[in-house]
Amino acid sequence: MRDRAIFCGAVLLAALLLCGCLGGSGEGTPTPAETSPSTPATAAATTPPTAVSTPPPLSAAMADRSPNWAGYTVLTSIDNPQSGSVESVEASWNVPSVDCSLSDNGYASAFWVGIDGISSNSVEQIGTESDCIGGSPVYYAWYEVYPQDSVTLDLAISPGDEVHAKVEYVSGNTFRYTMTDLTTAETVSFTDQGRVTAERSSAEWIAEAPTNGRNRLLPLADFRPITFTHAAVTVNGESGPISGAHWEYQPIIMQSRGGSLKATPSGLSTGGTDFTVVWSNP
């Protein structure tokens, strides 16, 4: 299960208060039903990733810290985000492989784009999962309308596949979710309605340590570096990259409550559309 961000820094303290710092130390072990589809794609063959320029290192002073998220978020204002402002978010990435040789059962990693989760009680998100179940890697695609449970997509993926994902606001609490496996030319696209009011106050591009069915943070699977590319957002009718002129953006470092780095994003590419997240610790 994916979750809202749990922040440990001061920049997004409001999110910390809203979340109550839910989530444990990552000791819960999921059952396969909680973390994988009934017929997950586990093919070992890989496709060479799309060549991209190497984004620059991140200035750590710019970043906030979270025990479950690493990546970037966009808001109209970090201090006072505007509800109803975010209309769509999208990006591409290559499904990262995971090393399960030293992992016990229940290590997990999720990669997604979405709307909300920073300063709201909802998240509308779509992404891919790279997990270690029974000592073996498991890969699958999913979407989630948090706080409802995630749903596995009927889209088989393999490590190395390039995918493009998008979440678009439709009306009310309805959003369109689209994922295309650019390697296999397969696409799923559909609408779904959340059960709580969607704030639409932030957009995210995230690598996450998921929770299990008991809201316990799982150990972060040892994933290969993942580069989000072609990242774009539409806010109040204006479209652009993460570093667009019509909003503010915030990098997020995944760091345990004990201070250990778990995953770190790079700085943004020159055009503001690309960045890489690197795993450090579970």
C-alpha atoms as a PDB file:
ATOM      1  CA  MET A   1       0.000   0.000   0.000  1.00  0.00           C
ATOM      2  CA  ARG A   2       1.270   3.439  -0.906  1.00  0.00           C
ATOM      3  CA  ASP A   3       0.732   6.307   1.517  1.00  0.00           C
ATOM      4  CA  ARG A   4       0.921  10.041   2.013  1.00  0.00           C
ATOM      5  CA  ALA A   5       4.270  11.585   2.746  1.00  0.00           C
ATOM      6  CA  ILE A   6       5.513  11.578   6.320  1.00  0.00           C
ATOM      7  CA  PHE A   7       7.736  14.617   6.725  1.00  0.00           C
ATOM      8  CA  CYS A   8      10.451  15.152   9.293  1.00  0.00           C
ATOM      9  CA  GLY A   9      11.621  18.630   8.299  1.00  0.00           C
ATOM     10  CA  ALA A  10      10.270  22.084   8.999  1.00  0.00           C
ATOM     11  CA  VAL A  11       9.427  23.209   5.481  1.00  0.00           C
ATOM     12  CA  LEU A  12       6.349  21.001   5.244  1.00  0.00           C
ATOM     13  CA  LEU A  13       5.496  20.766   8.927  1.00  0.00           C
ATOM     14  CA  ALA A  14       1.793  21.022   8.158  1.00  0.00           C
ATOM     15  CA  ALA A  15       1.951  17.661   6.415  1.00  0.00           C
ATOM     16  CA  LEU A  16       3.599  16.126   9.475  1.00  0.00           C
ATOM     17  CA  LEU A  17       0.784  17.371  11.682  1.00  0.00           C
ATOM     18  CA  LEU A  18      -1.858  16.093   9.291  1.00  0.00           C
ATOM     19  CA  CYS A  19      -0.284  12.649   9.061  1.00  0.00           C
ATOM     20  CA  GLY A  20       0.492  12.282  12.740  1.00  0.00           C
ATOM     21  CA  CYS A  21       3.696  10.571  11.561  1.00  0.00           C
ATOM     22  CA  LEU A  22       1.846   7.336  10.825  1.00  0.00           C
ATOM     23  CA  GLY A  23       3.904   4.301   9.831  1.00  0.00           C
ATOM     24  CA  GLY A  24       6.340   2.217  11.824  1.00  0.00           C
ATOM     25  CA  SER A  25       9.973   1.382  11.493  1.00  0.00           C
ATOM     26  CA  GLY A  26       9.409  -0.919   8.552  1.00  0.00           C
ATOM     27  CA  GLU A  27       9.412  -4.229  10.415  1.00  0.00           C
ATOM     28  CA  GLY A  28       6.057  -5.520   9.184  1.00  0.00           C
ATOM     29  CA  THR A  29       6.214  -8.347   6.620  1.00  0.00           C
ATOM     30  CA  PRO A  30       3.443  -8.384   4.014  1.00  0.00           C
ATOM     31  CA  THR A  31       1.663 -11.399   2.663  1.00  0.00           C
ATOM     32  CA  PRO A  32       1.880 -11.808  -1.118  1.00  0.00           C
ATOM     33  CA  ALA A  33      -1.715 -10.588  -1.408  1.00  0.00           C
ATOM     34  CA  GLU A  34      -0.703  -7.285   0.150  1.00  0.00           C
ATOM     35  CA  THR A  35       2.227  -6.627  -2.139  1.00  0.00           C
ATOM     36  CA  SER A  36       1.881  -8.473  -5.432  1.00  0.00           C
ATOM     37  CA  PRO A  37      -0.721  -9.398  -8.045  1.00  0.00           C
ATOM     38  CA  SER A  38      -1.944 -12.958  -8.514  1.00  0.00           C
ATOM     39  CA  THR A  39       0.049 -13.229 -11.749  1.00  0.00           C
ATOM     40  CA  PRO A  40       2.975 -10.793 -11.451  1.00  0.00           C
ATOM     41  CA  ALA A  41       5.395 -10.225 -14.294  1.00  0.00           C
ATOM     42  CA  THR A  42       8.752 -11.670 -13.235  1.00  0.00           C
ATOM     43  CA  ALA A  43      10.610 -11.950 -16.539  1.00  0.00           C
ATOM     44  CA  ALA A  44      14.330 -11.336 -16.137  1.00  0.00           C
ATOM     45  CA  ALA A  45      14.957  -9.961 -19.616  1.00  0.00           C
ATOM     46  CA  THR A  46      15.643  -6.253 -19.700  1.00  0.00           C
ATOM     47  CA  THR A  47      15.425  -3.514 -22.288  1.00  0.00           C
ATOM     48  CA  PRO A  48      18.185  -0.880 -22.407  1.00  0.00           C
ATOM     49  CA  PRO A  49      16.876   2.338 -20.817  1.00  0.00           C
ATOM     50  CA  THR A  50      16.340   5.484 -22.807  1.00  0.00           C
ATOM     51  CA  ALA A  51      19.544   7.518 -22.865  1.00  0.00           C
ATOM     52  CA  VAL A  52      19.272  10.685 -20.795  1.00  0.00           C
ATOM     53  CA  SER A  53      21.777  13.235 -19.609  1.00  0.00           C
ATOM     54  CA  THR A  54      22.977  12.839 -16.027  1.00  0.00           C
ATOM     55  CA  PRO A  55      21.167  15.292 -13.715  1.00  0.00           C
ATOM     56  CA  PRO A  56      23.394  17.271 -11.339  1.00  0.00           C
ATOM     57  CA  PRO A  57      23.834  16.447  -7.627  1.00  0.00           C
ATOM     58  CA  LEU A  58      21.195  17.737  -5.254  1.00  0.00           C
ATOM     59  CA  SER A  59      21.913  20.543  -2.827  1.00  0.00           C
ATOM     60  CA  ALA A  60      20.825  18.837   0.408  1.00  0.00           C
ATOM     61  CA  ALA A  61      20.025  22.187   1.994  1.00  0.00           C
ATOM     62  CA  MET A  62      17.126  22.575  -0.466  1.00  0.00           C
ATOM     63  CA  ALA A  63      15.470  19.279   0.451  1.00  0.00           C
ATOM     64  CA  ASP A  64      12.965  18.201   3.033  1.00  0.00           C
ATOM     65  CA  ARG A  65      13.163  14.766   4.680  1.00  0.00           C
ATOM     66  CA  SER A  66      10.612  11.961   4.765  1.00  0.00           C
ATOM     67  CA  PRO A  67      10.918   8.331   5.967  1.00  0.00           C
ATOM     68  CA  ASN A  68       8.854   7.040   3.025  1.00  0.00           C
ATOM     69  CA  TRP A  69       9.222   9.402   0.001  1.00  0.00           C
ATOM     70  CA  ALA A  70      12.113  10.507  -2.228  1.00  0.00           C
ATOM     71  CA  GLY A  71      11.643  12.712  -5.273  1.00  0.00           C
ATOM     72  CA  TYR A  72      10.007  16.044  -6.058  1.00  0.00           C
ATOM     73  CA  THR A  73       6.731  17.808  -5.365  1.00  0.00           C
ATOM     74  CA  VAL A  74       5.173  20.910  -6.959  1.00  0.00           C
ATOM     75  CA  LEU A  75       2.806  23.308  -5.188  1.00  0.00           C
ATOM     76  CA  THR A  76       1.533  26.790  -6.015  1.00  0.00           C
ATOM     77  CA  SER A  77       3.204  27.817  -2.751  1.00  0.00           C
ATOM     78  CA  ILE A  78       5.104  25.581  -0.341  1.00  0.00           C
ATOM     79  CA  ASP A  79       3.864  27.604   2.635  1.00  0.00           C
ATOM     80  CA  ASN A  80       0.277  28.040   1.417  1.00  0.00           C
ATOM     81  CA  PRO A  81      -0.676  25.575  -1.363  1.00  0.00           C
ATOM     82  CA  GLN A  82      -3.811  26.410  -3.329  1.00  0.00           C
ATOM     83  CA  SER A  83      -6.587  23.806  -3.421  1.00  0.00           C
ATOM     84  CA  GLY A  84      -8.068  22.969  -6.810  1.00  0.00           C
ATOM     85  CA  SER A  85      -4.946  24.103  -8.682  1.00  0.00           C
ATOM     86  CA  VAL A  86      -3.327  20.900 -10.001  1.00  0.00           C
ATOM     87  CA  GLU A  87      -4.856  19.499 -13.190  1.00  0.00           C
ATOM     88  CA  SER A  88      -2.398  16.827 -14.348  1.00  0.00           C
ATOM     89  CA  VAL A  89       0.988  15.243 -13.697  1.00  0.00           C
ATOM     90  CA  GLU A  90       3.063  12.861 -15.815  1.00  0.00           C
ATOM     91  CA  ALA A  91       6.520  11.345 -16.358  1.00  0.00           C
ATOM     92  CA  SER A  92       8.393   8.418 -17.872  1.00  0.00           C
ATOM     93  CA  TRP A  93      10.833   5.989 -16.246  1.00  0.00           C
ATOM     94  CA  ASN A  94      12.436   2.596 -16.782  1.00  0.00           C
ATOM     95  CA  VAL A  95      11.152  -0.028 -14.343  1.00  0.00           C
ATOM     96  CA  PRO A  96      14.110  -0.516 -11.981  1.00  0.00           C
ATOM     97  CA  SER A  97      15.324  -4.001 -11.186  1.00  0.00           C
ATOM     98  CA  VAL A  98      15.834  -4.968  -7.526  1.00  0.00           C
ATOM     99  CA  ASP A  99      18.567  -7.017  -5.871  1.00  0.00           C
ATOM    100  CA  CYS A 100      16.892  -9.545  -3.570  1.00  0.00           C
ATOM    101  CA  SER A 101      20.050 -11.545  -2.767  1.00  0.00           C
ATOM    102  CA  LEU A 102      20.415 -10.008   0.693  1.00  0.00           C
ATOM    103  CA  SER A 103      16.744  -9.169   1.289  1.00  0.00           C
ATOM    104  CA  ASP A 104      14.330 -10.982   3.527  1.00  0.00           C
ATOM    105  CA  ASN A 105      10.723 -11.430   2.482  1.00  0.00           C
ATOM    106  CA  GLY A 106       8.792  -8.177   2.333  1.00  0.00           C
ATOM    107  CA  TYR A 107      11.225  -5.612   0.922  1.00  0.00           C
ATOM    108  CA  ALA A 108       9.371  -3.243  -1.405  1.00  0.00           C
ATOM    109  CA  SER A 109       9.795  -0.143  -3.572  1.00  0.00           C
ATOM    110  CA  ALA A 110       7.205   1.880  -5.490  1.00  0.00           C
ATOM    111  CA  PHE A 111       7.664   4.522  -8.210  1.00  0.00           C
ATOM    112  CA  TRP A 112       4.837   6.788  -9.224  1.00  0.00           C
ATOM    113  CA  VAL A 113       3.374  10.099 -10.300  1.00  0.00           C
ATOM    114  CA  GLY A 114       0.372  11.546  -8.525  1.00  0.00           C
ATOM    115  CA  ILE A 115      -1.696  14.422  -7.269  1.00  0.00           C
ATOM    116  CA  ASP A 116      -2.065  15.316  -3.567  1.00  0.00           C
ATOM    117  CA  GLY A 117      -0.489  13.725  -0.502  1.00  0.00           C
ATOM    118  CA  ILE A 118       1.579  16.655   0.739  1.00  0.00           C
ATOM    119  CA  SER A 119      -1.072  18.774   2.420  1.00  0.00           C
ATOM    120  CA  SER A 120      -4.189  16.635   2.010  1.00  0.00           C
ATOM    121  CA  ASN A 121      -5.778  13.366   3.091  1.00  0.00           C
ATOM    122  CA  SER A 122      -6.036  11.988  -0.446  1.00  0.00           C
ATOM    123  CA  VAL A 123      -3.569  10.817  -3.092  1.00  0.00           C
ATOM    124  CA  GLU A 124      -4.417  10.005  -6.716  1.00  0.00           C
ATOM    125  CA  GLN A 125      -1.451   8.040  -8.059  1.00  0.00           C
ATOM    126  CA  ILE A 126      -0.302   5.501 -10.659  1.00  0.00           C
ATOM    127  CA  GLY A 127       3.014   3.676 -10.793  1.00  0.00           C
ATOM    128  CA  THR A 128       5.100   0.533 -10.782  1.00  0.00           C
ATOM    129  CA  GLU A 129       6.355  -1.745  -8.026  1.00  0.00           C
ATOM    130  CA  SER A 130       9.687  -3.561  -7.674  1.00  0.00           C
ATOM    131  CA  ASP A 131       9.528  -5.896  -4.663  1.00  0.00           C
ATOM    132  CA  CYS A 132      11.268  -8.857  -3.077  1.00  0.00           C
ATOM    133  CA  ILE A 133       8.816 -11.636  -2.198  1.00  0.00           C
ATOM    134  CA  GLY A 134      10.194 -14.903  -0.895  1.00  0.00           C
ATOM    135  CA  GLY A 135      13.667 -13.779  -1.938  1.00  0.00           C
ATOM    136  CA  SER A 136      12.655 -13.261  -5.590  1.00  0.00           C
ATOM    137  CA  PRO A 137      11.943 -10.045  -7.502  1.00  0.00           C
ATOM    138  CA  VAL A 138       8.336  -9.223  -8.390  1.00  0.00           C
ATOM    139  CA  TYR A 139       7.336  -6.422 -10.782  1.00  0.00           C
ATOM    140  CA  TYR A 140       3.880  -5.028 -11.457  1.00  0.00           C
ATOM    141  CA  ALA A 141       1.917  -1.868 -12.249  1.00  0.00           C
ATOM    142  CA  TRP A 142      -0.777  -0.391 -10.023  1.00  0.00           C
ATOM    143  CA  TYR A 143      -2.879   2.654  -9.211  1.00  0.00           C
ATOM    144  CA  GLU A 144      -4.332   3.940  -5.962  1.00  0.00           C
ATOM    145  CA  VAL A 145      -6.929   6.449  -4.836  1.00  0.00           C
ATOM    146  CA  TYR A 146      -5.720   6.792  -1.254  1.00  0.00           C
ATOM    147  CA  PRO A 147      -7.098   6.090   1.357  1.00  0.00           C
ATOM    148  CA  GLN A 148      -8.633   3.259  -0.686  1.00  0.00           C
ATOM    149  CA  ASP A 149      -6.431   0.217  -1.311  1.00  0.00           C
ATOM    150  CA  SER A 150      -4.192   0.016  -4.362  1.00  0.00           C
ATOM    151  CA  VAL A 151      -5.322  -1.966  -7.412  1.00  0.00           C
ATOM    152  CA  THR A 152      -3.016  -4.023  -9.633  1.00  0.00           C
ATOM    153  CA  LEU A 153      -3.261  -3.031 -13.295  1.00  0.00           C
ATOM    154  CA  ASP A 154      -3.808  -5.492 -16.127  1.00  0.00           C
ATOM    155  CA  LEU A 155      -0.481  -4.447 -17.632  1.00  0.00           C
ATOM    156  CA  ALA A 156       2.452  -6.856 -17.518  1.00  0.00           C
ATOM    157  CA  ILE A 157       5.795  -5.108 -16.998  1.00  0.00           C
ATOM    158  CA  SER A 158       9.385  -6.286 -16.824  1.00  0.00           C
ATOM    159  CA  PRO A 159      12.508  -4.662 -15.361  1.00  0.00           C
ATOM    160  CA  GLY A 160      13.973  -2.243 -17.870  1.00  0.00           C
ATOM    161  CA  ASP A 161      10.658  -1.525 -19.593  1.00  0.00           C
ATOM    162  CA  GLU A 162      10.121   2.178 -20.229  1.00  0.00           C
ATOM    163  CA  VAL A 163       6.719   3.318 -18.984  1.00  0.00           C
ATOM    164  CA  HIS A 164       4.891   6.625 -19.191  1.00  0.00           C
ATOM    165  CA  ALA A 165       2.311   7.436 -16.507  1.00  0.00           C
ATOM    166  CA  LYS A 166      -0.205  10.250 -16.163  1.00  0.00           C
ATOM    167  CA  VAL A 167      -2.925  11.339 -13.739  1.00  0.00           C
ATOM    168  CA  GLU A 168      -5.468  13.896 -14.981  1.00  0.00           C
ATOM    169  CA  TYR A 169      -8.295  15.640 -13.172  1.00  0.00           C
ATOM    170  CA  VAL A 170     -11.710  15.141 -14.832  1.00  0.00           C
ATOM    171  CA  SER A 171     -14.375  16.617 -12.513  1.00  0.00           C
ATOM    172  CA  GLY A 172     -15.591  16.341  -8.932  1.00  0.00           C
ATOM    173  CA  ASN A 173     -13.504  13.562  -7.361  1.00  0.00           C
ATOM    174  CA  THR A 174     -12.960  11.776 -10.699  1.00  0.00           C
ATOM    175  CA  PHE A 175      -9.513  11.389 -12.263  1.00  0.00           C
ATOM    176  CA  ARG A 176      -8.165   9.648 -15.362  1.00  0.00           C
ATOM    177  CA  TYR A 177      -5.246   7.245 -14.868  1.00  0.00           C
ATOM    178  CA  THR A 178      -3.098   6.228 -17.833  1.00  0.00           C
ATOM    179  CA  MET A 179      -0.008   4.047 -18.100  1.00  0.00           C
ATOM    180  CA  THR A 180       1.737   3.018 -21.313  1.00  0.00           C
ATOM    181  CA  ASP A 181       4.527   0.464 -21.495  1.00  0.00           C
ATOM    182  CA  LEU A 182       6.523   2.090 -24.282  1.00  0.00           C
ATOM    183  CA  THR A 183       8.604  -1.063 -24.670  1.00  0.00           C
ATOM    184  CA  THR A 184       5.651  -3.360 -25.385  1.00  0.00           C
ATOM    185  CA  ALA A 185       3.273  -0.669 -26.753  1.00  0.00           C
ATOM    186  CA  GLU A 186       0.551  -1.730 -24.277  1.00  0.00           C
ATOM    187  CA  THR A 187      -1.662   0.908 -22.602  1.00  0.00           C
ATOM    188  CA  VAL A 188      -4.281   1.028 -19.870  1.00  0.00           C
ATOM    189  CA  SER A 189      -6.443   4.121 -19.348  1.00  0.00           C
ATOM    190  CA  PHE A 190      -9.522   4.536 -17.158  1.00  0.00           C
ATOM    191  CA  THR A 191     -11.306   6.867 -14.741  1.00  0.00           C
ATOM    192  CA  ASP A 192     -11.999   6.341 -11.054  1.00  0.00           C
ATOM    193  CA  GLN A 193     -13.638   8.364  -8.311  1.00  0.00           C
ATOM    194  CA  GLY A 194     -12.261   8.846  -4.824  1.00  0.00           C
ATOM    195  CA  ARG A 195     -14.305   8.612  -1.642  1.00  0.00           C
ATOM    196  CA  VAL A 196     -12.882  11.742  -0.052  1.00  0.00           C
ATOM    197  CA  THR A 197     -12.588  15.255  -1.447  1.00  0.00           C
ATOM    198  CA  ALA A 198      -9.484  15.656  -3.583  1.00  0.00           C
ATOM    199  CA  GLU A 199      -7.593  18.824  -2.662  1.00  0.00           C
ATOM    200  CA  ARG A 200      -5.581  18.982  -5.919  1.00  0.00           C
ATOM    201  CA  SER A 201      -3.012  21.130  -4.153  1.00  0.00           C
ATOM    202  CA  SER A 202       0.230  19.313  -5.092  1.00  0.00           C
ATOM    203  CA  ALA A 203       1.828  17.096  -7.734  1.00  0.00           C
ATOM    204  CA  GLU A 204       4.496  14.462  -7.088  1.00  0.00           C
ATOM    205  CA  TRP A 205       7.158  12.306  -8.759  1.00  0.00           C
ATOM    206  CA  ILE A 206       8.156   9.793  -6.090  1.00  0.00           C
ATOM    207  CA  ALA A 207      10.165   6.711  -5.174  1.00  0.00           C
ATOM    208  CA  GLU A 208       8.492   5.284  -2.072  1.00  0.00           C
ATOM    209  CA  ALA A 209       8.943   2.760   0.703  1.00  0.00           C
ATOM    210  CA  PRO A 210       5.379   1.359   0.795  1.00  0.00           C
ATOM    211  CA  THR A 211       3.430   0.225   3.845  1.00  0.00           C
ATOM    212  CA  ASN A 212       1.834  -3.154   4.400  1.00  0.00           C
ATOM    213  CA  GLY A 213      -1.816  -3.734   5.243  1.00  0.00           C
ATOM    214  CA  ARG A 214      -1.171  -2.688   8.839  1.00  0.00           C
ATOM    215  CA  ASN A 215       0.263   0.727   7.912  1.00  0.00           C
ATOM    216  CA  ARG A 216       3.798  -0.333   8.803  1.00  0.00           C
ATOM    217  CA  LEU A 217       6.620   0.943   6.615  1.00  0.00           C
ATOM    218  CA  LEU A 218       8.301  -1.908   4.753  1.00  0.00           C
ATOM    219  CA  PRO A 219      12.075  -2.101   4.263  1.00  0.00           C
ATOM    220  CA  LEU A 220      13.042  -0.335   1.039  1.00  0.00           C
ATOM    221  CA  ALA A 221      14.058  -2.849  -1.653  1.00  0.00           C
ATOM    222  CA  ASP A 222      17.533  -2.361  -3.141  1.00  0.00           C
ATOM    223  CA  PHE A 223      16.495  -0.862  -6.479  1.00  0.00           C
ATOM    224  CA  ARG A 224      18.813   0.216  -9.291  1.00  0.00           C
ATOM    225  CA  PRO A 225      18.949   3.999  -9.843  1.00  0.00           C
ATOM    226  CA  ILE A 226      15.743   5.250 -11.448  1.00  0.00           C
ATOM    227  CA  THR A 227      15.556   8.348 -13.650  1.00  0.00           C
ATOM    228  CA  PHE A 228      12.238  10.139 -14.046  1.00  0.00           C
ATOM    229  CA  THR A 229      12.155  11.836 -17.467  1.00  0.00           C
ATOM    230  CA  HIS A 230       9.719  14.099 -19.339  1.00  0.00           C
ATOM    231  CA  ALA A 231       8.249  15.166 -15.999  1.00  0.00           C
ATOM    232  CA  ALA A 232       5.452  17.694 -16.545  1.00  0.00           C
ATOM    233  CA  VAL A 233       2.611  19.256 -14.590  1.00  0.00           C
ATOM    234  CA  THR A 234      -0.379  21.487 -15.307  1.00  0.00           C
ATOM    235  CA  VAL A 235      -1.336  23.993 -12.606  1.00  0.00           C
ATOM    236  CA  ASN A 236      -4.133  26.543 -13.053  1.00  0.00           C
ATOM    237  CA  GLY A 237      -4.036  26.051 -16.817  1.00  0.00           C
ATOM    238  CA  GLU A 238      -0.258  26.522 -17.093  1.00  0.00           C
ATOM    239  CA  SER A 239       1.823  23.504 -18.193  1.00  0.00           C
ATOM    240  CA  GLY A 240       5.548  23.036 -17.721  1.00  0.00           C
ATOM    241  CA  PRO A 241       8.390  21.077 -16.082  1.00  0.00           C
ATOM    242  CA  ILE A 242       8.991  20.599 -12.366  1.00  0.00           C
ATOM    243  CA  SER A 243      10.962  23.850 -12.281  1.00  0.00           C
ATOM    244  CA  GLY A 244       8.276  25.849 -14.107  1.00  0.00           C
ATOM    245  CA  ALA A 245       7.863  29.577 -13.439  1.00  0.00           C
ATOM    246  CA  HIS A 246       4.254  29.413 -12.228  1.00  0.00           C
ATOM    247  CA  TRP A 247       4.752  27.275  -9.087  1.00  0.00           C
ATOM    248  CA  GLU A 248       7.263  26.248  -6.428  1.00  0.00           C
ATOM    249  CA  TYR A 249       8.966  22.876  -6.180  1.00  0.00           C
ATOM    250  CA  GLN A 250      10.508  20.935  -3.312  1.00  0.00           C
ATOM    251  CA  PRO A 251      12.996  18.023  -3.435  1.00  0.00           C
ATOM    252  CA  ILE A 252      12.490  15.280  -0.849  1.00  0.00           C
ATOM    253  CA  ILE A 253      15.160  12.979   0.603  1.00  0.00           C
ATOM    254  CA  MET A 254      14.062   9.647   2.099  1.00  0.00           C
ATOM    255  CA  GLN A 255      15.663   9.415   5.530  1.00  0.00           C
ATOM    256  CA  SER A 256      14.863   7.179   8.479  1.00  0.00           C
ATOM    257  CA  ARG A 257      13.848   8.678  11.805  1.00  0.00           C
ATOM    258  CA  GLY A 258      17.268   7.626  13.045  1.00  0.00           C
ATOM    259  CA  GLY A 259      18.935   9.785  10.390  1.00  0.00           C
ATOM    260  CA  SER A 260      20.048   7.065   7.943  1.00  0.00           C
ATOM    261  CA  LEU A 261      19.702   7.980   4.263  1.00  0.00           C
ATOM    262  CA  LYS A 262      17.395   5.556   2.422  1.00  0.00           C
ATOM    263  CA  ALA A 263      17.095   7.175  -1.037  1.00  0.00           C
ATOM    264  CA  THR A 264      18.205  10.494  -2.494  1.00  0.00           C
ATOM    265  CA  PRO A 265      17.069  12.421  -5.588  1.00  0.00           C
ATOM    266  CA  SER A 266      19.538  14.273  -7.772  1.00  0.00           C
ATOM    267  CA  GLY A 267      19.163  17.878  -8.758  1.00  0.00           C
ATOM    268  CA  LEU A 268      16.964  18.640 -11.753  1.00  0.00           C
ATOM    269  CA  SER A 269      18.252  18.561 -15.318  1.00  0.00           C
ATOM    270  CA  THR A 270      18.719  21.860 -17.128  1.00  0.00           C
ATOM    271  CA  GLY A 271      15.190  21.737 -18.531  1.00  0.00           C
ATOM    272  CA  GLY A 272      13.675  20.802 -15.183  1.00  0.00           C
ATOM    273  CA  THR A 273      12.153  17.577 -16.521  1.00  0.00           C
ATOM    274  CA  ASP A 274      14.568  14.851 -15.370  1.00  0.00           C
ATOM    275  CA  PHE A 275      16.062  13.624 -12.096  1.00  0.00           C
ATOM    276  CA  THR A 276      17.471  10.376 -10.701  1.00  0.00           C
ATOM    277  CA  VAL A 277      16.741   8.653  -7.379  1.00  0.00           C
ATOM    278  CA  VAL A 278      19.465   6.445  -5.875  1.00  0.00           C
ATOM    279  CA  TRP A 279      18.922   3.789  -3.175  1.00  0.00           C
ATOM    280  CA  SER A 280      21.172   3.862  -0.087  1.00  0.00           C
ATOM    281  CA  ASN A 281      19.663   1.747   2.700  1.00  0.00           C
ATOM    282  CA  PRO A 282      16.521  -0.276   3.448  1.00  0.00           C
END
